[in-house]
């Protein structure tokens, strides 16, 4: 046989052996994610608060004069703030 076929046979045999070894391996068990516990501390005189994002909406403004009638404005989209952002008291869930 020529050297090319001998090499091709060796490569195909090596591929078959590695395929057989990897096919027989067992899958690793999946561990669940760790549970994170937090300690509730009620310190007198301390109020914890959380920032609540402002509520906004996109409004399509038609072309025309501005509300004062001074200049012409083209059609555009405008962001309108419906509710301002604010700090809310944060109540931790009781267990």
Protein backbone atom coordinates (compact mmCIF):
# COMPACT_ATOMS: atom_id res chain seq x y z
CA UNK A 1 0.00 0.00 0.00
CA UNK A 2 1.16 3.49 -0.51
CA UNK A 3 1.83 5.84 2.41
CA UNK A 4 -1.23 7.99 1.71
CA UNK A 5 -3.71 5.15 2.30
CA UNK A 6 -1.82 3.99 5.38
CA UNK A 7 -2.04 7.49 6.83
CA UNK A 8 -5.72 7.76 5.91
CA UNK A 9 -6.44 4.43 7.65
CA UNK A 10 -4.57 5.53 10.78
CA UNK A 11 -6.44 8.87 10.91
CA UNK A 12 -9.82 7.19 10.44
CA UNK A 13 -8.98 4.61 13.14
CA UNK A 14 -7.98 7.40 15.52
CA UNK A 15 -11.24 9.22 14.80
CA UNK A 16 -13.26 6.08 15.49
CA UNK A 17 -11.46 5.51 18.80
CA UNK A 18 -11.97 9.11 19.99
CA UNK A 19 -15.63 9.02 18.94
CA UNK A 20 -16.15 5.81 20.87
CA UNK A 21 -14.44 7.19 23.98
CA UNK A 22 -16.44 10.41 23.99
CA UNK A 23 -19.74 8.63 23.29
CA UNK A 24 -19.29 6.36 26.32
CA UNK A 25 -18.60 9.13 28.79
CA UNK A 26 -21.34 9.91 31.33
CA UNK A 27 -22.90 13.37 31.47
CA UNK A 28 -22.00 15.43 34.51
CA UNK A 29 -24.88 16.02 36.95
CA UNK A 30 -26.25 19.54 36.96
CA UNK A 31 -26.11 21.18 40.36
CA UNK A 32 -28.86 23.67 41.26
CA UNK A 33 -27.79 27.28 41.83
CA UNK A 34 -27.04 28.18 45.43
CA UNK A 35 -29.81 29.82 47.46
CA UNK A 36 -28.85 33.27 48.70
CA UNK A 37 -30.13 34.12 52.15
CA UNK A 38 -30.10 37.63 53.51
CA UNK A 39 -30.37 38.77 57.03
CA UNK A 40 -33.19 41.17 57.86
CA UNK A 41 -31.89 43.92 60.08
CA UNK A 42 -34.37 46.26 61.68
CA UNK A 43 -32.26 49.14 62.87
CA UNK A 44 -34.30 51.79 64.70
CA UNK A 45 -34.38 55.17 62.98
CA UNK A 46 -33.18 53.87 59.60
CA UNK A 47 -35.56 53.96 56.65
CA UNK A 48 -34.53 52.14 53.51
CA UNK A 49 -35.87 53.54 50.28
CA UNK A 50 -35.70 52.57 46.62
CA UNK A 51 -35.66 54.79 43.52
CA UNK A 52 -38.72 54.42 41.30
CA UNK A 53 -38.03 55.37 37.69
CA UNK A 54 -40.12 58.11 36.06
CA UNK A 55 -42.94 57.01 33.77
CA UNK A 56 -42.53 58.36 30.21
CA UNK A 57 -44.38 58.03 26.90
CA UNK A 58 -43.55 58.80 23.25
CA UNK A 59 -46.03 61.21 21.61
CA UNK A 60 -46.25 61.99 17.89
CA UNK A 61 -46.54 65.79 17.47
CA UNK A 62 -48.12 66.92 14.16
CA UNK A 63 -46.64 69.78 12.11
CA UNK A 64 -47.92 73.31 12.61
CA UNK A 65 -47.49 76.38 14.76
CA UNK A 66 -46.30 76.01 18.31
CA UNK A 67 -48.84 76.64 21.13
CA UNK A 68 -47.91 80.34 21.22
CA UNK A 69 -48.31 80.68 17.43
CA UNK A 70 -44.80 82.05 16.99
CA UNK A 71 -43.02 79.66 14.62
CA UNK A 72 -43.69 76.64 12.41
CA UNK A 73 -42.57 73.27 13.72
CA UNK A 74 -42.13 70.08 11.68
CA UNK A 75 -43.74 66.79 12.69
CA UNK A 76 -41.69 64.98 15.34
CA UNK A 77 -41.79 62.54 18.24
CA UNK A 78 -41.53 63.86 21.77
CA UNK A 79 -40.92 62.18 25.11
CA UNK A 80 -43.52 63.20 27.68
CA UNK A 81 -43.01 62.58 31.38
CA UNK A 82 -46.24 61.16 32.82
CA UNK A 83 -44.99 60.75 36.39
CA UNK A 84 -41.78 62.06 37.92
CA UNK A 85 -39.24 59.72 39.45
CA UNK A 86 -39.42 59.41 43.21
CA UNK A 87 -38.05 57.63 46.23
CA UNK A 88 -40.33 54.93 47.62
CA UNK A 89 -40.09 53.35 51.04
CA UNK A 90 -38.87 49.82 50.60
CA UNK A 91 -40.59 47.16 52.65
CA UNK A 92 -38.65 43.93 52.82
CA UNK A 93 -40.75 40.80 52.54
CA UNK A 94 -41.45 39.24 55.91
CA UNK A 95 -40.70 35.58 56.29
